[in-house]
Amino acid sequence: MSKLIIQPSANKDARSHYVDTIENAVDFSRLKPFLSNNELSRLKEIYPEERCYIWGVTPGGNNKPSWDRILRGDVAVFSRDGKIYASSVVTYKLHNQGLAANLWNFDKEWKKR
């Protein structure tokens, strides 16, 4: 059974990241330097148009155990100001710090975690 995953996205950075990688699909040419051939092949099977939507979480607090429980087919909902404003279905999951840095320009404090 699919789970419902609530993704808070209220702060300024999260809103900006939502626009960058959810409202606007990410071209595989941006992903390629960070993915193995196997990962890229799998994504091409899911997204033959070679563009996909990406969301990530920082490793602090309870995020890591929650992230570990996410499975393909789970439904993610994005929330802000106490309301759900978007949803998506999880199709693929990976841990890739380099890709995250490239997509979202995470700060030095996050790198230390």
Protein backbone atom coordinates (compact mmCIF):
# COMPACT_ATOMS: atom_id res chain seq x y z
CA MET A 1 0.00 0.00 0.00
CA SER A 2 1.28 3.46 -0.89
CA LYS A 3 2.09 5.92 1.86
CA LEU A 4 1.37 9.62 2.00
CA ILE A 5 4.50 11.71 2.42
CA ILE A 6 4.13 15.30 3.55
CA GLN A 7 6.87 17.56 2.23
CA PRO A 8 6.82 20.94 3.98
CA SER A 9 8.00 23.58 1.56
CA ALA A 10 7.18 26.87 3.18
CA ASN A 11 10.52 28.61 3.60
CA LYS A 12 12.06 30.76 0.89
CA ASP A 13 14.66 28.17 -0.18
CA ALA A 14 12.12 25.35 -0.41
CA ARG A 15 9.76 27.50 -2.50
CA SER A 16 12.63 28.35 -4.84
CA HIS A 17 13.74 24.71 -5.08
CA TYR A 18 10.16 23.65 -5.83
CA VAL A 19 10.10 26.00 -8.82
CA ASP A 20 13.56 24.86 -9.97
CA THR A 21 13.00 21.10 -9.91
CA ILE A 22 9.26 20.38 -9.63
CA GLU A 23 7.46 23.11 -11.56
CA ASN A 24 10.24 22.91 -14.13
CA ALA A 25 11.46 19.46 -15.11
CA VAL A 26 15.19 18.79 -14.90
CA ASP A 27 16.92 17.75 -18.11
CA PHE A 28 19.01 14.59 -17.94
CA SER A 29 22.03 16.47 -19.26
CA ARG A 30 22.18 18.11 -15.82
CA LEU A 31 21.91 14.74 -14.04
CA LYS A 32 24.35 12.75 -16.16
CA PRO A 33 27.61 13.92 -14.48
CA PHE A 34 26.31 12.71 -11.10
CA LEU A 35 24.66 9.37 -11.94
CA SER A 36 26.00 5.92 -12.70
CA ASN A 37 25.15 4.40 -16.07
CA ASN A 38 22.72 2.05 -14.30
CA GLU A 39 20.93 4.91 -12.53
CA LEU A 40 20.68 6.91 -15.74
CA SER A 41 19.40 3.89 -17.69
CA ARG A 42 16.72 3.26 -15.08
CA LEU A 43 15.61 6.88 -15.21
CA LYS A 44 15.47 6.74 -19.03
CA GLU A 45 13.08 3.78 -18.73
CA ILE A 46 10.81 5.80 -16.44
CA TYR A 47 11.24 9.12 -18.30
CA PRO A 48 11.93 8.42 -21.99
CA GLU A 49 11.68 12.15 -22.73
CA GLU A 50 14.84 12.51 -20.58
CA ARG A 51 13.38 15.12 -18.24
CA CYS A 52 12.14 14.48 -14.71
CA TYR A 53 10.96 16.18 -11.55
CA ILE A 54 13.19 16.00 -8.49
CA TRP A 55 12.76 16.69 -4.79
CA GLY A 56 15.24 16.21 -2.00
CA VAL A 57 15.51 16.43 1.75
CA THR A 58 18.34 17.54 3.98
CA PRO A 59 19.77 14.85 6.28
CA GLY A 60 19.03 16.60 9.58
CA GLY A 61 16.55 15.76 12.31
CA ASN A 62 14.03 13.04 11.49
CA ASN A 63 14.49 13.40 7.72
CA LYS A 64 16.84 10.42 7.22
CA PRO A 65 14.64 7.76 8.88
CA SER A 66 11.60 9.20 7.10
CA TRP A 67 13.44 9.21 3.78
CA ASP A 68 14.51 5.60 4.29
CA ARG A 69 10.84 4.54 4.49
CA ILE A 70 9.87 6.18 1.18
CA LEU A 71 9.07 3.66 -1.55
CA ARG A 72 8.27 3.84 -5.23
CA GLY A 73 4.56 4.51 -5.63
CA ASP A 74 4.24 6.59 -2.46
CA VAL A 75 2.41 9.89 -2.87
CA ALA A 76 4.24 13.06 -1.85
CA VAL A 77 2.22 16.16 -1.06
CA PHE A 78 3.77 19.59 -0.78
CA SER A 79 2.52 21.87 1.96
CA ARG A 80 2.80 25.54 2.77
CA ASP A 81 0.86 27.77 5.13
CA GLY A 82 -1.13 24.81 6.47
CA LYS A 83 -2.38 23.78 3.01
CA ILE A 84 -1.50 21.14 0.44
CA TYR A 85 -0.77 22.78 -2.91
CA ALA A 86 0.72 19.99 -5.03
CA SER A 87 1.21 16.23 -5.17
CA SER A 88 3.39 13.73 -6.97
CA VAL A 89 4.11 10.01 -7.05
CA VAL A 90 7.56 8.70 -6.14
CA THR A 91 9.08 6.93 -9.14
CA TYR A 92 12.75 6.66 -8.17
CA LYS A 93 14.89 7.38 -5.13
CA LEU A 94 18.61 7.82 -4.62
CA HIS A 95 21.10 9.42 -2.27
CA ASN A 96 23.47 11.71 -4.15
CA GLN A 97 25.09 14.63 -2.35
CA GLY A 98 26.83 15.95 -5.47
CA LEU A 99 23.58 16.08 -7.42
CA ALA A 100 21.83 17.77 -4.51
CA ALA A 101 24.57 20.40 -4.33
CA ASN A 102 24.25 21.03 -8.05
CA LEU A 103 20.46 21.28 -8.06
CA TRP A 104 19.89 23.21 -4.87
CA ASN A 105 23.21 24.85 -3.94
CA PHE A 106 23.01 23.64 -0.35
CA ASP A 107 24.92 25.62 2.23
CA LYS A 108 28.12 24.80 4.14
CA GLU A 109 26.22 23.86 7.30
CA TRP A 110 24.31 21.16 5.42
CA LYS A 111 27.54 19.74 4.00
CA LYS A 112 28.84 19.10 7.53
CA ARG A 113 25.95 16.81 8.47
